[in-house]
Amino acid sequence: MRFLALLLFLPVLALAEPATVIRATDLKQEPASDSATVAVLAENTAVEVLERKSGWTRVKAQPGEGWVRMLALRFGGAAPAKPGATGLTQLFSVARTGTSGTQVTTGVRGLDAEQIANAQPNPAELAKLEKFATDRDAAAGFAAQGKLSATPVDYPK
């Protein structure tokens, strides 16, 4: 009987994926910016990924369950490739962990036809975005602090 219960529970375990919060972030009740905040997750909080929806991820953490922005999470537990690791070793690492540990990209797939048809302007979100705008001099000053310099690159033909 225990074996049967374990077999029924295995699919649930397969859905859970470990992740870590990369910066302090709000745990929201629903996958929306204006949703109620359930808790604030501190940087490096371990979470269990339960579901993904658009740019949001439903997680389970110590304070409870809720939604966080996907870009606030570092997924999996893969470590960077070890010095001297061969391509074959890295290939087996990919098969075992689902990632080579050398690069992680996160994105949101495009909108479907229904989302585009029902799209509505959101002036409040646009106002938030405009607060991140900067001018050329401020950007150059910030780059200079990190000793960065512009490098012209030709467009491919």
C-alpha atoms as a PDB file:
ATOM      1  CA  MET A   1       0.000   0.000   0.000  1.00  0.00           C
ATOM      2  CA  ARG A   2       2.836   2.415   0.819  1.00  0.00           C
ATOM      3  CA  PHE A   3       4.400   1.680  -2.536  1.00  0.00           C
ATOM      4  CA  LEU A   4       1.182   2.623  -4.322  1.00  0.00           C
ATOM      5  CA  ALA A   5       0.945   5.861  -2.328  1.00  0.00           C
ATOM      6  CA  LEU A   6       4.546   6.664  -3.246  1.00  0.00           C
ATOM      7  CA  LEU A   7       3.834   6.057  -6.932  1.00  0.00           C
ATOM      8  CA  LEU A   8       0.867   8.415  -6.779  1.00  0.00           C
ATOM      9  CA  PHE A   9       2.963  11.084  -5.031  1.00  0.00           C
ATOM     10  CA  LEU A  10       5.945  10.939  -7.447  1.00  0.00           C
ATOM     11  CA  PRO A  11       4.345  13.151 -10.135  1.00  0.00           C
ATOM     12  CA  VAL A  12       3.864  15.871  -7.514  1.00  0.00           C
ATOM     13  CA  LEU A  13       7.551  15.672  -6.590  1.00  0.00           C
ATOM     14  CA  ALA A  14       8.525  15.918 -10.249  1.00  0.00           C
ATOM     15  CA  LEU A  15       6.697  19.251 -10.577  1.00  0.00           C
ATOM     16  CA  ALA A  16       8.516  20.920  -7.704  1.00  0.00           C
ATOM     17  CA  GLU A  17      11.749  22.644  -8.675  1.00  0.00           C
ATOM     18  CA  PRO A  18      14.169  24.309  -6.288  1.00  0.00           C
ATOM     19  CA  ALA A  19      15.007  27.976  -6.726  1.00  0.00           C
ATOM     20  CA  THR A  20      16.536  30.832  -4.757  1.00  0.00           C
ATOM     21  CA  VAL A  21      15.365  34.438  -4.487  1.00  0.00           C
ATOM     22  CA  ILE A  22      18.160  36.606  -5.933  1.00  0.00           C
ATOM     23  CA  ARG A  23      16.976  39.871  -4.349  1.00  0.00           C
ATOM     24  CA  ALA A  24      14.354  40.821  -1.774  1.00  0.00           C
ATOM     25  CA  THR A  25      10.982  40.534  -3.456  1.00  0.00           C
ATOM     26  CA  ASP A  26       7.276  40.598  -2.662  1.00  0.00           C
ATOM     27  CA  LEU A  27       5.390  37.311  -2.438  1.00  0.00           C
ATOM     28  CA  LYS A  28       2.074  38.195  -4.092  1.00  0.00           C
ATOM     29  CA  GLN A  29      -1.331  36.591  -3.594  1.00  0.00           C
ATOM     30  CA  GLU A  30      -1.997  36.540  -7.365  1.00  0.00           C
ATOM     31  CA  PRO A  31       0.316  36.833 -10.411  1.00  0.00           C
ATOM     32  CA  ALA A  32      -0.093  40.598 -10.768  1.00  0.00           C
ATOM     33  CA  SER A  33       1.856  43.666  -9.683  1.00  0.00           C
ATOM     34  CA  ASP A  34      -1.159  45.200  -7.971  1.00  0.00           C
ATOM     35  CA  SER A  35      -2.079  42.008  -6.091  1.00  0.00           C
ATOM     36  CA  ALA A  36      -1.907  41.931  -2.293  1.00  0.00           C
ATOM     37  CA  THR A  37       1.523  41.161  -0.820  1.00  0.00           C
ATOM     38  CA  VAL A  38       1.497  37.984   1.295  1.00  0.00           C
ATOM     39  CA  ALA A  39       5.067  38.423   2.580  1.00  0.00           C
ATOM     40  CA  VAL A  40       8.437  39.826   1.600  1.00  0.00           C
ATOM     41  CA  LEU A  41      11.036  37.197   0.728  1.00  0.00           C
ATOM     42  CA  ALA A  42      14.598  38.103   1.657  1.00  0.00           C
ATOM     43  CA  GLU A  43      17.520  37.671  -0.709  1.00  0.00           C
ATOM     44  CA  ASN A  44      18.796  34.057  -0.851  1.00  0.00           C
ATOM     45  CA  THR A  45      15.517  32.598   0.429  1.00  0.00           C
ATOM     46  CA  ALA A  46      15.107  29.012  -0.790  1.00  0.00           C
ATOM     47  CA  VAL A  47      11.765  28.386  -2.493  1.00  0.00           C
ATOM     48  CA  GLU A  48      10.017  25.506  -4.213  1.00  0.00           C
ATOM     49  CA  VAL A  49       8.618  26.315  -7.664  1.00  0.00           C
ATOM     50  CA  LEU A  50       5.057  25.045  -8.061  1.00  0.00           C
ATOM     51  CA  GLU A  51       3.759  26.687 -11.234  1.00  0.00           C
ATOM     52  CA  ARG A  52       4.672  29.210 -13.917  1.00  0.00           C
ATOM     53  CA  LYS A  53       2.325  31.676 -15.537  1.00  0.00           C
ATOM     54  CA  SER A  54       3.584  34.265 -17.982  1.00  0.00           C
ATOM     55  CA  GLY A  55       6.336  36.237 -16.180  1.00  0.00           C
ATOM     56  CA  TRP A  56       5.257  34.987 -12.756  1.00  0.00           C
ATOM     57  CA  THR A  57       6.162  31.893 -10.748  1.00  0.00           C
ATOM     58  CA  ARG A  58       4.080  30.402  -7.936  1.00  0.00           C
ATOM     59  CA  VAL A  59       6.371  29.331  -5.127  1.00  0.00           C
ATOM     60  CA  LYS A  60       6.224  27.759  -1.709  1.00  0.00           C
ATOM     61  CA  ALA A  61       8.483  29.314   0.921  1.00  0.00           C
ATOM     62  CA  GLN A  62       8.697  29.496   4.703  1.00  0.00           C
ATOM     63  CA  PRO A  63       6.167  32.373   4.975  1.00  0.00           C
ATOM     64  CA  GLY A  64       3.662  30.552   2.710  1.00  0.00           C
ATOM     65  CA  GLU A  65       2.703  30.197  -0.945  1.00  0.00           C
ATOM     66  CA  GLY A  66       2.363  32.951  -3.481  1.00  0.00           C
ATOM     67  CA  TRP A  67       3.609  34.456  -6.720  1.00  0.00           C
ATOM     68  CA  VAL A  68       6.929  36.164  -7.478  1.00  0.00           C
ATOM     69  CA  ARG A  69       8.325  37.591 -10.677  1.00  0.00           C
ATOM     70  CA  MET A  70      10.286  34.967 -12.581  1.00  0.00           C
ATOM     71  CA  LEU A  71      13.302  37.263 -12.908  1.00  0.00           C
ATOM     72  CA  ALA A  72      13.627  37.440  -9.107  1.00  0.00           C
ATOM     73  CA  LEU A  73      14.567  33.734  -8.995  1.00  0.00           C
ATOM     74  CA  ARG A  74      17.662  31.651  -9.689  1.00  0.00           C
ATOM     75  CA  PHE A  75      16.509  28.202 -10.744  1.00  0.00           C
ATOM     76  CA  GLY A  76      18.076  24.831  -9.991  1.00  0.00           C
ATOM     77  CA  GLY A  77      21.179  23.992  -8.090  1.00  0.00           C
ATOM     78  CA  ALA A  78      23.662  23.472 -10.899  1.00  0.00           C
ATOM     79  CA  ALA A  79      27.160  24.664 -10.225  1.00  0.00           C
ATOM     80  CA  PRO A  80      29.470  26.188 -12.818  1.00  0.00           C
ATOM     81  CA  ALA A  81      31.550  23.768 -14.869  1.00  0.00           C
ATOM     82  CA  LYS A  82      34.548  22.521 -12.944  1.00  0.00           C
ATOM     83  CA  PRO A  83      38.027  23.388 -14.213  1.00  0.00           C
ATOM     84  CA  GLY A  84      39.211  20.635 -16.523  1.00  0.00           C
ATOM     85  CA  ALA A  85      35.700  19.313 -17.166  1.00  0.00           C
ATOM     86  CA  THR A  86      35.433  17.860 -20.644  1.00  0.00           C
ATOM     87  CA  GLY A  87      32.563  18.431 -23.042  1.00  0.00           C
ATOM     88  CA  LEU A  88      31.429  14.881 -22.322  1.00  0.00           C
ATOM     89  CA  THR A  89      31.347  15.598 -18.579  1.00  0.00           C
ATOM     90  CA  GLN A  90      29.307  18.743 -19.199  1.00  0.00           C
ATOM     91  CA  LEU A  91      26.956  16.803 -21.475  1.00  0.00           C
ATOM     92  CA  PHE A  92      26.226  14.351 -18.663  1.00  0.00           C
ATOM     93  CA  SER A  93      25.765  17.315 -16.330  1.00  0.00           C
ATOM     94  CA  VAL A  94      23.115  18.706 -18.696  1.00  0.00           C
ATOM     95  CA  ALA A  95      21.353  15.337 -18.794  1.00  0.00           C
ATOM     96  CA  ARG A  96      21.411  15.068 -14.996  1.00  0.00           C
ATOM     97  CA  THR A  97      20.496  18.618 -13.964  1.00  0.00           C
ATOM     98  CA  GLY A  98      18.842  20.121 -17.032  1.00  0.00           C
ATOM     99  CA  THR A  99      21.455  22.855 -17.283  1.00  0.00           C
ATOM    100  CA  SER A 100      25.150  23.001 -17.964  1.00  0.00           C
ATOM    101  CA  GLY A 101      25.639  25.458 -15.129  1.00  0.00           C
ATOM    102  CA  THR A 102      27.395  27.895 -17.441  1.00  0.00           C
ATOM    103  CA  GLN A 103      24.543  30.089 -18.597  1.00  0.00           C
ATOM    104  CA  VAL A 104      20.966  30.653 -17.540  1.00  0.00           C
ATOM    105  CA  THR A 105      18.445  32.652 -19.488  1.00  0.00           C
ATOM    106  CA  THR A 106      14.932  33.432 -18.421  1.00  0.00           C
ATOM    107  CA  GLY A 107      12.260  34.895 -20.571  1.00  0.00           C
ATOM    108  CA  VAL A 108       8.591  35.156 -21.185  1.00  0.00           C
ATOM    109  CA  ARG A 109       7.094  33.677 -24.298  1.00  0.00           C
ATOM    110  CA  GLY A 110       5.114  35.936 -26.577  1.00  0.00           C
ATOM    111  CA  LEU A 111       1.524  36.936 -26.052  1.00  0.00           C
ATOM    112  CA  ASP A 112      -1.221  34.755 -27.481  1.00  0.00           C
ATOM    113  CA  ALA A 113      -3.976  36.103 -29.754  1.00  0.00           C
ATOM    114  CA  GLU A 114      -6.516  36.388 -26.913  1.00  0.00           C
ATOM    115  CA  GLN A 115      -4.117  38.419 -24.743  1.00  0.00           C
ATOM    116  CA  ILE A 116      -3.399  40.788 -27.629  1.00  0.00           C
ATOM    117  CA  ALA A 117      -7.112  41.158 -28.459  1.00  0.00           C
ATOM    118  CA  ASN A 118      -7.920  41.971 -24.810  1.00  0.00           C
ATOM    119  CA  ALA A 119      -4.921  44.217 -24.134  1.00  0.00           C
ATOM    120  CA  GLN A 120      -5.659  47.431 -22.241  1.00  0.00           C
ATOM    121  CA  PRO A 121      -3.374  50.405 -21.601  1.00  0.00           C
ATOM    122  CA  ASN A 122      -2.038  50.699 -18.062  1.00  0.00           C
ATOM    123  CA  PRO A 123      -0.961  54.310 -17.412  1.00  0.00           C
ATOM    124  CA  ALA A 124       0.164  53.511 -13.844  1.00  0.00           C
ATOM    125  CA  GLU A 125       2.644  50.874 -15.050  1.00  0.00           C
ATOM    126  CA  LEU A 126       3.882  53.234 -17.781  1.00  0.00           C
ATOM    127  CA  ALA A 127       4.482  55.903 -15.130  1.00  0.00           C
ATOM    128  CA  LYS A 128       6.524  53.381 -13.112  1.00  0.00           C
ATOM    129  CA  LEU A 129       8.589  52.557 -16.206  1.00  0.00           C
ATOM    130  CA  GLU A 130       9.264  56.218 -16.921  1.00  0.00           C
ATOM    131  CA  LYS A 131      10.872  56.542 -13.477  1.00  0.00           C
ATOM    132  CA  PHE A 132      13.669  54.260 -14.711  1.00  0.00           C
ATOM    133  CA  ALA A 133      14.517  56.521 -17.647  1.00  0.00           C
ATOM    134  CA  THR A 134      17.840  58.325 -17.587  1.00  0.00           C
ATOM    135  CA  ASP A 135      19.673  60.800 -19.784  1.00  0.00           C
ATOM    136  CA  ARG A 136      22.884  60.262 -21.740  1.00  0.00           C
ATOM    137  CA  ASP A 137      25.106  62.123 -19.232  1.00  0.00           C
ATOM    138  CA  ALA A 138      23.802  60.145 -16.232  1.00  0.00           C
ATOM    139  CA  ALA A 139      24.324  56.860 -18.100  1.00  0.00           C
ATOM    140  CA  ALA A 140      27.869  57.886 -19.070  1.00  0.00           C
ATOM    141  CA  GLY A 141      28.636  58.838 -15.456  1.00  0.00           C
ATOM    142  CA  PHE A 142      27.379  55.471 -14.223  1.00  0.00           C
ATOM    143  CA  ALA A 143      29.448  53.636 -16.843  1.00  0.00           C
ATOM    144  CA  ALA A 144      32.542  55.608 -15.837  1.00  0.00           C
ATOM    145  CA  GLN A 145      32.157  54.440 -12.223  1.00  0.00           C
ATOM    146  CA  GLY A 146      32.525  50.845 -13.442  1.00  0.00           C
ATOM    147  CA  LYS A 147      35.333  51.837 -15.814  1.00  0.00           C
ATOM    148  CA  LEU A 148      33.166  50.899 -18.799  1.00  0.00           C
ATOM    149  CA  SER A 149      33.623  52.433 -22.212  1.00  0.00           C
ATOM    150  CA  ALA A 150      31.594  52.440 -25.410  1.00  0.00           C
ATOM    151  CA  THR A 151      32.652  50.062 -28.171  1.00  0.00           C
ATOM    152  CA  PRO A 152      31.148  50.660 -31.597  1.00  0.00           C
ATOM    153  CA  VAL A 153      29.895  47.492 -33.274  1.00  0.00           C
ATOM    154  CA  ASP A 154      28.979  47.259 -36.957  1.00  0.00           C
ATOM    155  CA  TYR A 155      25.578  45.864 -37.785  1.00  0.00           C
ATOM    156  CA  PRO A 156      25.737  42.491 -39.591  1.00  0.00           C
ATOM    157  CA  LYS A 157      24.923  42.650 -43.254  1.00  0.00           C
END
